[in-house]
Amino acid sequence: MFLEFLIKIFKSNKDKEAIVWQGKVFTYQWLLDKFRYWQEEIRARKIEAGSVTVVEADFSPSAIALMLALIENSCI
């Protein structure tokens, strides 16, 4: 697990603000939940470790969670 240290931080700060985007606050718990959602999507879509991937998005909280999930899946 590449992001184990980061997940621990998310869990220990779950109720704290992680990101403010377009005037809306997103907590570490929200980010962790979205990270897990994207992990499931990656599994469901059978994106293998080492796959070359592209994320075409702004710096939204969901895009950040997706990037973290891709990193965790060893995607390039």
C-alpha atoms as a PDB file:
ATOM      1  CA  MET A   1       0.000   0.000   0.000  1.00  0.00           C
ATOM      2  CA  PHE A   2       1.715   3.172  -1.211  1.00  0.00           C
ATOM      3  CA  LEU A   3      -0.567   5.601   0.573  1.00  0.00           C
ATOM      4  CA  GLU A   4      -0.904   3.870   3.942  1.00  0.00           C
ATOM      5  CA  PHE A   5       0.661   6.856   5.743  1.00  0.00           C
ATOM      6  CA  LEU A   6      -1.763   9.223   4.051  1.00  0.00           C
ATOM      7  CA  ILE A   7      -4.810   7.069   4.789  1.00  0.00           C
ATOM      8  CA  LYS A   8      -3.822   7.054   8.474  1.00  0.00           C
ATOM      9  CA  ILE A   9      -3.775  10.856   8.430  1.00  0.00           C
ATOM     10  CA  PHE A  10      -7.187  10.952   6.745  1.00  0.00           C
ATOM     11  CA  LYS A  11      -8.637   8.579   9.354  1.00  0.00           C
ATOM     12  CA  SER A  12      -7.187  10.456  12.319  1.00  0.00           C
ATOM     13  CA  ASN A  13      -8.509  13.784  10.988  1.00  0.00           C
ATOM     14  CA  LYS A  14     -11.768  12.587   9.453  1.00  0.00           C
ATOM     15  CA  ASP A  15     -13.901  15.491  10.691  1.00  0.00           C
ATOM     16  CA  LYS A  16     -11.400  18.198   9.775  1.00  0.00           C
ATOM     17  CA  GLU A  17     -11.366  20.243   6.592  1.00  0.00           C
ATOM     18  CA  ALA A  18      -9.192  18.710   3.905  1.00  0.00           C
ATOM     19  CA  ILE A  19     -10.084  20.797   0.858  1.00  0.00           C
ATOM     20  CA  VAL A  20     -12.067  23.920   0.143  1.00  0.00           C
ATOM     21  CA  TRP A  21     -13.181  23.958  -3.484  1.00  0.00           C
ATOM     22  CA  GLN A  22     -15.543  26.462  -5.059  1.00  0.00           C
ATOM     23  CA  GLY A  23     -16.535  27.681  -1.602  1.00  0.00           C
ATOM     24  CA  LYS A  24     -17.486  24.219  -0.323  1.00  0.00           C
ATOM     25  CA  VAL A  25     -15.639  22.349   2.431  1.00  0.00           C
ATOM     26  CA  PHE A  26     -14.659  18.703   1.977  1.00  0.00           C
ATOM     27  CA  THR A  27     -13.519  16.727   5.009  1.00  0.00           C
ATOM     28  CA  TYR A  28     -10.874  14.038   5.181  1.00  0.00           C
ATOM     29  CA  GLN A  29     -13.692  11.528   5.663  1.00  0.00           C
ATOM     30  CA  TRP A  30     -15.298  12.667   2.414  1.00  0.00           C
ATOM     31  CA  LEU A  31     -11.950  12.354   0.648  1.00  0.00           C
ATOM     32  CA  LEU A  32     -11.390   8.887   2.113  1.00  0.00           C
ATOM     33  CA  ASP A  33     -14.873   7.771   1.060  1.00  0.00           C
ATOM     34  CA  LYS A  34     -14.352   9.062  -2.479  1.00  0.00           C
ATOM     35  CA  PHE A  35     -10.897   7.427  -2.611  1.00  0.00           C
ATOM     36  CA  ARG A  36     -12.528   4.086  -1.715  1.00  0.00           C
ATOM     37  CA  TYR A  37     -15.245   4.698  -4.322  1.00  0.00           C
ATOM     38  CA  TRP A  38     -12.603   5.187  -7.010  1.00  0.00           C
ATOM     39  CA  GLN A  39     -10.715   2.106  -5.842  1.00  0.00           C
ATOM     40  CA  GLU A  40     -13.879   0.074  -6.404  1.00  0.00           C
ATOM     41  CA  GLU A  41     -14.375   1.659  -9.840  1.00  0.00           C
ATOM     42  CA  ILE A  42     -10.805   0.787 -10.797  1.00  0.00           C
ATOM     43  CA  ARG A  43     -11.387  -2.828  -9.732  1.00  0.00           C
ATOM     44  CA  ALA A  44     -14.766  -2.995 -11.477  1.00  0.00           C
ATOM     45  CA  ARG A  45     -13.273  -1.660 -14.700  1.00  0.00           C
ATOM     46  CA  LYS A  46     -10.363  -4.106 -14.396  1.00  0.00           C
ATOM     47  CA  ILE A  47      -7.697  -1.429 -14.661  1.00  0.00           C
ATOM     48  CA  GLU A  48      -4.545  -3.370 -13.937  1.00  0.00           C
ATOM     49  CA  ALA A  49      -1.534  -2.219 -11.973  1.00  0.00           C
ATOM     50  CA  GLY A  50       0.958  -0.547 -14.271  1.00  0.00           C
ATOM     51  CA  SER A  51      -1.724   0.620 -16.698  1.00  0.00           C
ATOM     52  CA  VAL A  52      -1.071   3.938 -18.359  1.00  0.00           C
ATOM     53  CA  THR A  53      -3.932   6.240 -17.394  1.00  0.00           C
ATOM     54  CA  VAL A  54      -5.018   9.808 -18.043  1.00  0.00           C
ATOM     55  CA  VAL A  55      -7.174  11.970 -15.817  1.00  0.00           C
ATOM     56  CA  GLU A  56      -8.672  14.876 -17.691  1.00  0.00           C
ATOM     57  CA  ALA A  57     -10.201  17.009 -14.960  1.00  0.00           C
ATOM     58  CA  ASP A  58      -9.837  20.153 -12.933  1.00  0.00           C
ATOM     59  CA  PHE A  59      -8.403  20.018  -9.425  1.00  0.00           C
ATOM     60  CA  SER A  60     -11.711  18.993  -7.887  1.00  0.00           C
ATOM     61  CA  PRO A  61     -11.836  16.888  -4.719  1.00  0.00           C
ATOM     62  CA  SER A  62     -13.141  13.957  -6.740  1.00  0.00           C
ATOM     63  CA  ALA A  63     -10.259  14.233  -9.205  1.00  0.00           C
ATOM     64  CA  ILE A  64      -7.800  14.326  -6.298  1.00  0.00           C
ATOM     65  CA  ALA A  65      -9.354  11.163  -4.851  1.00  0.00           C
ATOM     66  CA  LEU A  66      -9.158   9.507  -8.276  1.00  0.00           C
ATOM     67  CA  MET A  67      -5.481  10.384  -8.622  1.00  0.00           C
ATOM     68  CA  LEU A  68      -4.780   8.907  -5.189  1.00  0.00           C
ATOM     69  CA  ALA A  69      -6.667   5.718  -6.102  1.00  0.00           C
ATOM     70  CA  LEU A  70      -4.703   5.409  -9.359  1.00  0.00           C
ATOM     71  CA  ILE A  71      -1.437   5.875  -7.474  1.00  0.00           C
ATOM     72  CA  GLU A  72      -2.509   3.224  -4.986  1.00  0.00           C
ATOM     73  CA  ASN A  73      -3.246   0.904  -7.923  1.00  0.00           C
ATOM     74  CA  SER A  74       0.275   1.507  -9.330  1.00  0.00           C
ATOM     75  CA  CYS A  75      -1.084   3.151 -12.442  1.00  0.00           C
ATOM     76  CA  ILE A  76       1.161   5.364 -14.504  1.00  0.00           C
END
